[in-house]
Amino acid sequence: MKFRIRCAGKALLVVVAIGVLGWVVMTLWNWVIPALFVGASAIDFAHALGLLVLSRILFGGFRGHGGWRERRRWHKWEAMTPEEREHFQAAWRSGRNRREGD
């Protein structure tokens, strides 16, 4: 029962967040763009959501910060022995120091 309530709460939070972000995009567009560009018109909520999705596809992606790559690196780090970690850190430091000297 708690699982269903938690999932419903998260789904509601996602819907509210999408609505708020759409409203923010619509408000900013209607405030800035018509004032800057002659002939630009105001947009409605549906167009603001479309613009939000388009900007996420073009500029941000949908995986957040790092996504599966970060988890894969963390799993690799967790699987290393302490000696392998020391060797990796030493190699990383020497590569970083070499680049700073250039």
Protein backbone atom coordinates (compact mmCIF):
# COMPACT_ATOMS: atom_id res chain seq x y z
CA MET A 1 0.00 0.00 0.00
CA LYS A 2 2.81 2.43 0.85
CA PHE A 3 4.44 1.66 -2.49
CA ARG A 4 1.30 2.69 -4.39
CA ILE A 5 0.94 5.88 -2.39
CA ARG A 6 4.60 6.71 -2.94
CA CYS A 7 4.31 6.07 -6.70
CA ALA A 8 1.15 8.14 -6.92
CA GLY A 9 2.84 10.96 -4.99
CA LYS A 10 5.85 10.89 -7.31
CA ALA A 11 3.61 10.85 -10.38
CA LEU A 12 1.66 13.81 -9.02
CA LEU A 13 4.91 15.64 -8.29
CA VAL A 14 6.13 15.04 -11.86
CA VAL A 15 2.84 16.32 -13.32
CA VAL A 16 2.93 19.43 -11.12
CA ALA A 17 6.61 20.05 -11.97
CA ILE A 18 5.91 19.76 -15.71
CA GLY A 19 2.99 22.16 -15.35
CA VAL A 20 5.04 24.70 -13.41
CA LEU A 21 7.96 24.49 -15.84
CA GLY A 22 5.59 24.90 -18.78
CA TRP A 23 4.04 27.93 -17.15
CA VAL A 24 7.48 29.43 -16.46
CA VAL A 25 8.57 28.90 -20.08
CA MET A 26 5.31 30.41 -21.38
CA THR A 27 5.58 33.43 -19.07
CA LEU A 28 9.22 34.10 -19.91
CA TRP A 29 8.62 33.68 -23.64
CA ASN A 30 5.64 36.02 -23.62
CA TRP A 31 7.55 38.59 -21.57
CA VAL A 32 10.89 38.56 -23.43
CA ILE A 33 10.51 37.41 -27.03
CA PRO A 34 7.73 39.75 -28.29
CA ALA A 35 9.60 42.68 -26.76
CA LEU A 36 12.88 41.75 -28.47
CA PHE A 37 11.72 40.61 -31.89
CA VAL A 38 9.24 42.51 -34.03
CA GLY A 39 6.53 40.19 -35.29
CA ALA A 40 7.05 37.50 -32.64
CA SER A 41 3.81 36.46 -31.04
CA ALA A 42 2.90 35.15 -27.62
CA ILE A 43 2.58 31.40 -27.12
CA ASP A 44 0.07 29.34 -25.21
CA PHE A 45 0.68 26.63 -22.61
CA ALA A 46 0.82 23.74 -25.10
CA HIS A 47 3.45 25.51 -27.19
CA ALA A 48 5.43 26.28 -24.04
CA LEU A 49 5.47 22.57 -23.15
CA GLY A 50 6.58 21.75 -26.68
CA LEU A 51 9.35 24.33 -26.43
CA LEU A 52 10.42 22.88 -23.09
CA VAL A 53 10.62 19.35 -24.51
CA LEU A 54 12.48 20.58 -27.59
CA SER A 55 15.04 22.45 -25.48
CA ARG A 56 15.60 19.37 -23.28
CA ILE A 57 16.15 17.21 -26.37
CA LEU A 58 18.52 19.67 -28.01
CA PHE A 59 20.48 20.91 -25.02
CA GLY A 60 19.94 18.81 -21.93
CA GLY A 61 18.92 15.29 -22.75
CA PHE A 62 16.72 13.34 -20.37
CA ARG A 63 19.27 11.52 -18.22
CA GLY A 64 20.11 14.22 -15.71
CA HIS A 65 23.67 14.65 -14.47
CA GLY A 66 25.77 11.77 -15.71
CA GLY A 67 23.07 9.16 -16.09
CA TRP A 68 24.14 5.57 -16.60
CA ARG A 69 27.74 6.54 -17.31
CA GLU A 70 28.27 7.84 -13.78
CA ARG A 71 26.77 4.72 -12.26
CA ARG A 72 28.98 2.54 -14.47
CA ARG A 73 32.08 4.43 -13.33
CA TRP A 74 31.03 4.10 -9.72
CA HIS A 75 30.51 0.33 -10.12
CA LYS A 76 33.96 0.04 -11.71
CA TRP A 77 35.47 2.00 -8.81
CA GLU A 78 33.69 -0.20 -6.27
CA ALA A 79 34.97 -3.34 -8.02
CA MET A 80 38.62 -2.20 -7.86
CA THR A 81 41.01 -3.48 -5.25
CA PRO A 82 42.78 -0.88 -3.06
CA GLU A 83 45.96 -1.39 -5.11
CA GLU A 84 44.08 -0.78 -8.36
CA ARG A 85 42.55 2.38 -6.89
CA GLU A 86 45.96 3.70 -5.86
CA HIS A 87 47.36 2.96 -9.32
CA PHE A 88 44.40 4.69 -10.96
CA GLN A 89 44.69 7.75 -8.72
CA ALA A 90 48.43 8.02 -9.36
CA ALA A 91 47.91 7.79 -13.13
CA TRP A 92 45.11 10.35 -12.98
CA ARG A 93 47.19 12.79 -10.94
CA SER A 94 50.19 12.48 -13.25
CA GLY A 95 48.00 13.12 -16.30
CA ARG A 96 46.41 16.15 -14.65
CA ASN A 97 49.78 17.58 -13.61
CA ARG A 98 51.16 17.11 -17.10
CA ARG A 99 48.25 19.05 -18.63
CA GLU A 100 48.60 21.92 -16.14
CA GLY A 101 52.24 22.39 -17.17
CA ASP A 102 51.32 22.92 -20.85
